[in-house]
Amino acid sequence: MTVTLYTRKGCHLCDEARMAIAAAGRRARFDRQEFDIDADPRLRQLYDEEVPVILIDGRKAFKYRLTAEELLKKLAAR
């Protein structure tokens, strides 16, 4: 499985999401990707007001906030 984080610089919720994903990664095995939406106009158009956005295998799973436990539950359900 792949967990993808769409983020931007200076976003404190993005920092929190990154920490939750890292914590979940210590307890479960999955690939991680991270993209700065401001580096791609298409991504900025899609997610400008929603970051952080977290996808699992290409499907939106969370936006704004998540915990490691919530992520682990969603991963286990797939």
PDB file of N, CA and C in Angstrom:
ATOM      1  N   MET A   1       0.828  -1.174   0.000  1.00  0.00           N
ATOM      2  CA  MET A   1       0.000   0.000   0.000  1.00  0.00           C
ATOM      3  C   MET A   1       0.876   1.243   0.000  1.00  0.00           C
ATOM      4  N   THR A   2       0.310   2.309  -0.552  1.00  0.00           N
ATOM      5  CA  THR A   2       1.029   3.577  -0.620  1.00  0.00           C
ATOM      6  C   THR A   2       0.194   4.667   0.030  1.00  0.00           C
ATOM      7  N   VAL A   3       0.807   5.400   0.939  1.00  0.00           N
ATOM      8  CA  VAL A   3       0.187   6.562   1.579  1.00  0.00           C
ATOM      9  C   VAL A   3       0.835   7.795   0.966  1.00  0.00           C
ATOM     10  N   THR A   4       0.004   8.665   0.412  1.00  0.00           N
ATOM     11  CA  THR A   4       0.482   9.872  -0.251  1.00  0.00           C
ATOM     12  C   THR A   4       0.003  11.087   0.520  1.00  0.00           C
ATOM     13  N   LEU A   5       0.936  11.984   0.816  1.00  0.00           N
ATOM     14  CA  LEU A   5       0.628  13.222   1.516  1.00  0.00           C
ATOM     15  C   LEU A   5       0.807  14.390   0.554  1.00  0.00           C
ATOM     16  N   TYR A   6      -0.273  15.164   0.364  1.00  0.00           N
ATOM     17  CA  TYR A   6      -0.192  16.416  -0.383  1.00  0.00           C
ATOM     18  C   TYR A   6      -0.097  17.532   0.640  1.00  0.00           C
ATOM     19  N   THR A   7       0.924  18.356   0.492  1.00  0.00           N
ATOM     20  CA  THR A   7       1.289  19.315   1.524  1.00  0.00           C
ATOM     21  C   THR A   7       1.737  20.622   0.894  1.00  0.00           C
ATOM     22  N   ARG A   8       2.118  21.549   1.737  1.00  0.00           N
ATOM     23  CA  ARG A   8       2.786  22.782   1.287  1.00  0.00           C
ATOM     24  C   ARG A   8       3.628  23.317   2.435  1.00  0.00           C
ATOM     25  N   LYS A   9       4.603  24.119   2.090  1.00  0.00           N
ATOM     26  CA  LYS A   9       5.486  24.697   3.105  1.00  0.00           C
ATOM     27  C   LYS A   9       4.710  25.631   4.017  1.00  0.00           C
ATOM     28  N   GLY A  10       5.104  25.638   5.288  1.00  0.00           N
ATOM     29  CA  GLY A  10       4.489  26.540   6.244  1.00  0.00           C
ATOM     30  C   GLY A  10       3.133  26.092   6.761  1.00  0.00           C
ATOM     31  N   CYS A  11       2.743  24.873   6.480  1.00  0.00           N
ATOM     32  CA  CYS A  11       1.440  24.341   6.883  1.00  0.00           C
ATOM     33  C   CYS A  11       1.611  23.507   8.147  1.00  0.00           C
ATOM     34  N   HIS A  12       1.139  24.014   9.287  1.00  0.00           N
ATOM     35  CA  HIS A  12       1.315  23.274  10.538  1.00  0.00           C
ATOM     36  C   HIS A  12       0.487  21.990  10.569  1.00  0.00           C
ATOM     37  N   LEU A  13      -0.683  21.982   9.930  1.00  0.00           N
ATOM     38  CA  LEU A  13      -1.460  20.739   9.861  1.00  0.00           C
ATOM     39  C   LEU A  13      -0.734  19.689   9.026  1.00  0.00           C
ATOM     40  N   CYS A  14       0.003  20.148   8.013  1.00  0.00           N
ATOM     41  CA  CYS A  14       0.802  19.230   7.197  1.00  0.00           C
ATOM     42  C   CYS A  14       1.906  18.602   8.040  1.00  0.00           C
ATOM     43  N   ASP A  15       2.532  19.403   8.887  1.00  0.00           N
ATOM     44  CA  ASP A  15       3.569  18.879   9.777  1.00  0.00           C
ATOM     45  C   ASP A  15       2.988  17.830  10.720  1.00  0.00           C
ATOM     46  N   GLU A  16       1.793  18.099  11.255  1.00  0.00           N
ATOM     47  CA  GLU A  16       1.140  17.131  12.135  1.00  0.00           C
ATOM     48  C   GLU A  16       0.798  15.850  11.385  1.00  0.00           C
ATOM     49  N   ALA A  17       0.307  15.975  10.153  1.00  0.00           N
ATOM     50  CA  ALA A  17      -0.028  14.803   9.344  1.00  0.00           C
ATOM     51  C   ALA A  17       1.227  13.984   9.045  1.00  0.00           C
ATOM     52  N   ARG A  18       2.315  14.662   8.737  1.00  0.00           N
ATOM     53  CA  ARG A  18       3.584  13.982   8.463  1.00  0.00           C
ATOM     54  C   ARG A  18       4.029  13.171   9.684  1.00  0.00           C
ATOM     55  N   MET A  19       3.873  13.750  10.876  1.00  0.00           N
ATOM     56  CA  MET A  19       4.256  13.043  12.105  1.00  0.00           C
ATOM     57  C   MET A  19       3.344  11.838  12.354  1.00  0.00           C
ATOM     58  N   ALA A  20       2.045  11.986  12.082  1.00  0.00           N
ATOM     59  CA  ALA A  20       1.112  10.865  12.262  1.00  0.00           C
ATOM     60  C   ALA A  20       1.433   9.733  11.290  1.00  0.00           C
ATOM     61  N   ILE A  21       1.764  10.078  10.058  1.00  0.00           N
ATOM     62  CA  ILE A  21       2.121   9.060   9.063  1.00  0.00           C
ATOM     63  C   ILE A  21       3.409   8.360   9.482  1.00  0.00           C
ATOM     64  N   ALA A  22       4.382   9.121   9.961  1.00  0.00           N
ATOM     65  CA  ALA A  22       5.639   8.519  10.425  1.00  0.00           C
ATOM     66  C   ALA A  22       5.388   7.586  11.605  1.00  0.00           C
ATOM     67  N   ALA A  23       4.533   7.992  12.547  1.00  0.00           N
ATOM     68  CA  ALA A  23       4.221   7.146  13.698  1.00  0.00           C
ATOM     69  C   ALA A  23       3.540   5.856  13.252  1.00  0.00           C
ATOM     70  N   ALA A  24       2.616   5.958  12.312  1.00  0.00           N
ATOM     71  CA  ALA A  24       1.948   4.761  11.786  1.00  0.00           C
ATOM     72  C   ALA A  24       2.957   3.871  11.065  1.00  0.00           C
ATOM     73  N   GLY A  25       3.919   4.493  10.402  1.00  0.00           N
ATOM     74  CA  GLY A  25       4.944   3.742   9.677  1.00  0.00           C
ATOM     75  C   GLY A  25       5.862   2.935  10.577  1.00  0.00           C
ATOM     76  N   ARG A  26       5.918   3.281  11.839  1.00  0.00           N
ATOM     77  CA  ARG A  26       6.695   2.494  12.794  1.00  0.00           C
ATOM     78  C   ARG A  26       5.935   1.248  13.241  1.00  0.00           C
ATOM     79  N   ARG A  27       4.632   1.222  12.972  1.00  0.00           N
ATOM     80  CA  ARG A  27       3.796   0.105  13.409  1.00  0.00           C
ATOM     81  C   ARG A  27       3.232  -0.728  12.271  1.00  0.00           C
ATOM     82  N   ALA A  28       3.298  -0.217  11.044  1.00  0.00           N
ATOM     83  CA  ALA A  28       2.775  -0.938   9.882  1.00  0.00           C
ATOM     84  C   ALA A  28       3.678  -0.655   8.690  1.00  0.00           C
ATOM     85  N   ARG A  29       3.640  -1.536   7.740  1.00  0.00           N
ATOM     86  CA  ARG A  29       4.490  -1.399   6.563  1.00  0.00           C
ATOM     87  C   ARG A  29       3.678  -0.849   5.396  1.00  0.00           C
ATOM     88  N   PHE A  30       4.145   0.270   4.861  1.00  0.00           N
ATOM     89  CA  PHE A  30       3.534   0.870   3.675  1.00  0.00           C
ATOM     90  C   PHE A  30       4.540   1.816   3.043  1.00  0.00           C
ATOM     91  N   ASP A  31       4.355   2.080   1.769  1.00  0.00           N
ATOM     92  CA  ASP A  31       5.196   3.041   1.063  1.00  0.00           C
ATOM     93  C   ASP A  31       4.634   4.433   1.309  1.00  0.00           C
ATOM     94  N   ARG A  32       5.535   5.425   1.298  1.00  0.00           N
ATOM     95  CA  ARG A  32       5.133   6.814   1.526  1.00  0.00           C
ATOM     96  C   ARG A  32       5.582   7.688   0.363  1.00  0.00           C
ATOM     97  N   GLN A  33       4.710   8.613   0.011  1.00  0.00           N
ATOM     98  CA  GLN A  33       5.032   9.634  -0.980  1.00  0.00           C
ATOM     99  C   GLN A  33       4.587  10.974  -0.407  1.00  0.00           C
ATOM    100  N   GLU A  34       5.280  12.023  -0.815  1.00  0.00           N
ATOM    101  CA  GLU A  34       4.893  13.367  -0.383  1.00  0.00           C
ATOM    102  C   GLU A  34       5.082  14.324  -1.546  1.00  0.00           C
ATOM    103  N   PHE A  35       4.081  15.177  -1.772  1.00  0.00           N
ATOM    104  CA  PHE A  35       4.135  16.139  -2.858  1.00  0.00           C
ATOM    105  C   PHE A  35       3.745  17.513  -2.338  1.00  0.00           C
ATOM    106  N   ASP A  36       4.540  18.516  -2.711  1.00  0.00           N
ATOM    107  CA  ASP A  36       4.241  19.917  -2.404  1.00  0.00           C
ATOM    108  C   ASP A  36       3.311  20.422  -3.505  1.00  0.00           C
ATOM    109  N   ILE A  37       2.083  20.772  -3.136  1.00  0.00           N
ATOM    110  CA  ILE A  37       1.116  21.175  -4.158  1.00  0.00           C
ATOM    111  C   ILE A  37       1.506  22.468  -4.853  1.00  0.00           C
ATOM    112  N   ASP A  38       2.312  23.296  -4.206  1.00  0.00           N
ATOM    113  CA  ASP A  38       2.703  24.557  -4.817  1.00  0.00           C
ATOM    114  C   ASP A  38       3.742  24.380  -5.920  1.00  0.00           C
ATOM    115  N   ALA A  39       4.283  23.178  -6.055  1.00  0.00           N
ATOM    116  CA  ALA A  39       5.249  22.903  -7.111  1.00  0.00           C
ATOM    117  C   ALA A  39       4.571  22.441  -8.399  1.00  0.00           C
ATOM    118  N   ASP A  40       3.259  22.240  -8.358  1.00  0.00           N
ATOM    119  CA  ASP A  40       2.529  21.724  -9.522  1.00  0.00           C
ATOM    120  C   ASP A  40       1.182  22.447  -9.606  1.00  0.00           C
ATOM    121  N   PRO A  41       0.982  23.272 -10.633  1.00  0.00           N
ATOM    122  CA  PRO A  41      -0.259  24.037 -10.748  1.00  0.00           C
ATOM    123  C   PRO A  41      -1.523  23.167 -10.721  1.00  0.00           C
ATOM    124  N   ARG A  42      -1.460  21.978 -11.278  1.00  0.00           N
ATOM    125  CA  ARG A  42      -2.617  21.086 -11.276  1.00  0.00           C
ATOM    126  C   ARG A  42      -2.955  20.641  -9.853  1.00  0.00           C
ATOM    127  N   LEU A  43      -1.922  20.281  -9.077  1.00  0.00           N
ATOM    128  CA  LEU A  43      -2.149  19.880  -7.692  1.00  0.00           C
ATOM    129  C   LEU A  43      -2.659  21.049  -6.854  1.00  0.00           C
ATOM    130  N   ARG A  44      -2.122  22.237  -7.108  1.00  0.00           N
ATOM    131  CA  ARG A  44      -2.575  23.421  -6.370  1.00  0.00           C
ATOM    132  C   ARG A  44      -4.054  23.670  -6.651  1.00  0.00           C
ATOM    133  N   GLN A  45      -4.462  23.511  -7.898  1.00  0.00           N
ATOM    134  CA  GLN A  45      -5.865  23.702  -8.253  1.00  0.00           C
ATOM    135  C   GLN A  45      -6.759  22.664  -7.552  1.00  0.00           C
ATOM    136  N   LEU A  46      -6.291  21.434  -7.479  1.00  0.00           N
ATOM    137  CA  LEU A  46      -7.076  20.364  -6.855  1.00  0.00           C
ATOM    138  C   LEU A  46      -7.187  20.502  -5.338  1.00  0.00           C
ATOM    139  N   TYR A  47      -6.074  20.858  -4.675  1.00  0.00           N
ATOM    140  CA  TYR A  47      -5.998  20.754  -3.223  1.00  0.00           C
ATOM    141  C   TYR A  47      -5.697  22.055  -2.493  1.00  0.00           C
ATOM    142  N   ASP A  48      -5.791  23.181  -3.155  1.00  0.00           N
ATOM    143  CA  ASP A  48      -5.322  24.451  -2.589  1.00  0.00           C
ATOM    144  C   ASP A  48      -5.839  24.727  -1.184  1.00  0.00           C
ATOM    145  N   GLU A  49      -7.097  24.583  -0.934  1.00  0.00           N
ATOM    146  CA  GLU A  49      -7.676  24.908   0.370  1.00  0.00           C
ATOM    147  C   GLU A  49      -7.863  23.678   1.258  1.00  0.00           C
ATOM    148  N   GLU A  50      -7.386  22.515   0.833  1.00  0.00           N
ATOM    149  CA  GLU A  50      -7.645  21.277   1.567  1.00  0.00           C
ATOM    150  C   GLU A  50      -6.434  20.670   2.250  1.00  0.00           C
ATOM    151  N   VAL A  51      -5.239  21.183   2.046  1.00  0.00           N
ATOM    152  CA  VAL A  51      -4.056  20.515   2.585  1.00  0.00           C
ATOM    153  C   VAL A  51      -4.067  20.515   4.098  1.00  0.00           C
ATOM    154  N   PRO A  52      -3.554  19.488   4.698  1.00  0.00           N
ATOM    155  CA  PRO A  52      -3.017  18.306   4.045  1.00  0.00           C
ATOM    156  C   PRO A  52      -4.121  17.365   3.578  1.00  0.00           C
ATOM    157  N   VAL A  53      -3.830  16.702   2.472  1.00  0.00           N
ATOM    158  CA  VAL A  53      -4.706  15.654   1.946  1.00  0.00           C
ATOM    159  C   VAL A  53      -3.891  14.375   1.942  1.00  0.00           C
ATOM    160  N   ILE A  54      -4.498  13.301   2.432  1.00  0.00           N
ATOM    161  CA  ILE A  54      -3.804  12.021   2.522  1.00  0.00           C
ATOM    162  C   ILE A  54      -4.586  10.991   1.725  1.00  0.00           C
ATOM    163  N   LEU A  55      -3.904  10.338   0.802  1.00  0.00           N
ATOM    164  CA  LEU A  55      -4.497   9.289  -0.003  1.00  0.00           C
ATOM    165  C   LEU A  55      -3.901   7.947   0.388  1.00  0.00           C
ATOM    166  N   ILE A  56      -4.706   6.915   0.269  1.00  0.00           N
ATOM    167  CA  ILE A  56      -4.225   5.540   0.419  1.00  0.00           C
ATOM    168  C   ILE A  56      -4.489   4.854  -0.912  1.00  0.00           C
ATOM    169  N   ASP A  57      -3.427   4.410  -1.535  1.00  0.00           N
ATOM    170  CA  ASP A  57      -3.515   3.779  -2.854  1.00  0.00           C
ATOM    171  C   ASP A  57      -4.331   4.610  -3.842  1.00  0.00           C
ATOM    172  N   GLY A  58      -4.092   5.927  -3.819  1.00  0.00           N
ATOM    173  CA  GLY A  58      -4.710   6.816  -4.788  1.00  0.00           C
ATOM    174  C   GLY A  58      -6.114   7.275  -4.456  1.00  0.00           C
ATOM    175  N   ARG A  59      -6.665   6.842  -3.332  1.00  0.00           N
ATOM    176  CA  ARG A  59      -8.016   7.245  -2.928  1.00  0.00           C
ATOM    177  C   ARG A  59      -7.936   8.139  -1.691  1.00  0.00           C
ATOM    178  N   LYS A  60      -8.649   9.276  -1.743  1.00  0.00           N
ATOM    179  CA  LYS A  60      -8.613  10.214  -0.627  1.00  0.00           C
ATOM    180  C   LYS A  60      -9.125   9.523   0.637  1.00  0.00           C
ATOM    181  N   ALA A  61      -8.315   9.576   1.686  1.00  0.00           N
ATOM    182  CA  ALA A  61      -8.670   8.943   2.955  1.00  0.00           C
ATOM    183  C   ALA A  61      -8.867   9.974   4.067  1.00  0.00           C
ATOM    184  N   PHE A  62      -8.103  11.080   4.023  1.00  0.00           N
ATOM    185  CA  PHE A  62      -8.176  12.108   5.056  1.00  0.00           C
ATOM    186  C   PHE A  62      -7.880  13.464   4.436  1.00  0.00           C
ATOM    187  N   LYS A  63      -8.382  14.504   5.084  1.00  0.00           N
ATOM    188  CA  LYS A  63      -7.908  15.861   4.807  1.00  0.00           C
ATOM    189  C   LYS A  63      -7.912  16.613   6.118  1.00  0.00           C
ATOM    190  N   TYR A  64      -7.008  17.531   6.234  1.00  0.00           N
ATOM    191  CA  TYR A  64      -6.789  18.380   7.412  1.00  0.00           C
ATOM    192  C   TYR A  64      -6.131  17.636   8.576  1.00  0.00           C
ATOM    193  N   ARG A  65      -6.789  16.644   9.150  1.00  0.00           N
ATOM    194  CA  ARG A  65      -6.243  16.003  10.351  1.00  0.00           C
ATOM    195  C   ARG A  65      -6.387  14.490  10.286  1.00  0.00           C
ATOM    196  N   LEU A  66      -5.446  13.816  10.932  1.00  0.00           N
ATOM    197  CA  LEU A  66      -5.513  12.375  11.125  1.00  0.00           C
ATOM    198  C   LEU A  66      -4.607  12.013  12.277  1.00  0.00           C
ATOM    199  N   THR A  67      -4.858  10.846  12.833  1.00  0.00           N
ATOM    200  CA  THR A  67      -3.962  10.318  13.857  1.00  0.00           C
ATOM    201  C   THR A  67      -3.345   9.046  13.310  1.00  0.00           C
ATOM    202  N   ALA A  68      -2.277   8.622  13.937  1.00  0.00           N
ATOM    203  CA  ALA A  68      -1.646   7.370  13.525  1.00  0.00           C
ATOM    204  C   ALA A  68      -2.643   6.224  13.657  1.00  0.00           C
ATOM    205  N   GLU A  69      -3.440   6.232  14.721  1.00  0.00           N
ATOM    206  CA  GLU A  69      -4.405   5.156  14.946  1.00  0.00           C
ATOM    207  C   GLU A  69      -5.467   5.124  13.856  1.00  0.00           C
ATOM    208  N   GLU A  70      -5.964   6.305  13.449  1.00  0.00           N
ATOM    209  CA  GLU A  70      -6.961   6.359  12.369  1.00  0.00           C
ATOM    210  C   GLU A  70      -6.376   5.830  11.061  1.00  0.00           C
ATOM    211  N   LEU A  71      -5.141   6.200  10.773  1.00  0.00           N
ATOM    212  CA  LEU A  71      -4.494   5.729   9.564  1.00  0.00           C
ATOM    213  C   LEU A  71      -4.303   4.217   9.616  1.00  0.00           C
ATOM    214  N   LEU A  72      -3.862   3.707  10.740  1.00  0.00           N
ATOM    215  CA  LEU A  72      -3.673   2.260  10.885  1.00  0.00           C
ATOM    216  C   LEU A  72      -4.979   1.498  10.691  1.00  0.00           C
ATOM    217  N   LYS A  73      -6.088   2.030  11.182  1.00  0.00           N
ATOM    218  CA  LYS A  73      -7.393   1.394  10.999  1.00  0.00           C
ATOM    219  C   LYS A  73      -7.768   1.339   9.533  1.00  0.00           C
ATOM    220  N   LYS A  74      -7.565   2.459   8.829  1.00  0.00           N
ATOM    221  CA  LYS A  74      -7.899   2.481   7.399  1.00  0.00           C
ATOM    222  C   LYS A  74      -7.006   1.538   6.612  1.00  0.00           C
ATOM    223  N   LEU A  75      -5.740   1.479   6.955  1.00  0.00           N
ATOM    224  CA  LEU A  75      -4.828   0.569   6.265  1.00  0.00           C
ATOM    225  C   LEU A  75      -5.243  -0.870   6.495  1.00  0.00           C
ATOM    226  N   ALA A  76      -5.626  -1.205   7.716  1.00  0.00           N
ATOM    227  CA  ALA A  76      -6.026  -2.571   8.052  1.00  0.00           C
ATOM    228  C   ALA A  76      -7.307  -2.967   7.334  1.00  0.00           C
ATOM    229  N   ALA A  77      -8.169  -2.007   7.070  1.00  0.00           N
ATOM    230  CA  ALA A  77      -9.440  -2.273   6.414  1.00  0.00           C
ATOM    231  C   ALA A  77      -9.296  -2.529   4.917  1.00  0.00           C
ATOM    232  N   ARG A  78      -8.143  -2.198   4.371  1.00  0.00           N
ATOM    233  CA  ARG A  78      -7.957  -2.383   2.919  1.00  0.00           C
ATOM    234  C   ARG A  78      -7.373  -3.708   2.651  1.00  0.00           C
TER     235      ARG A  78
END
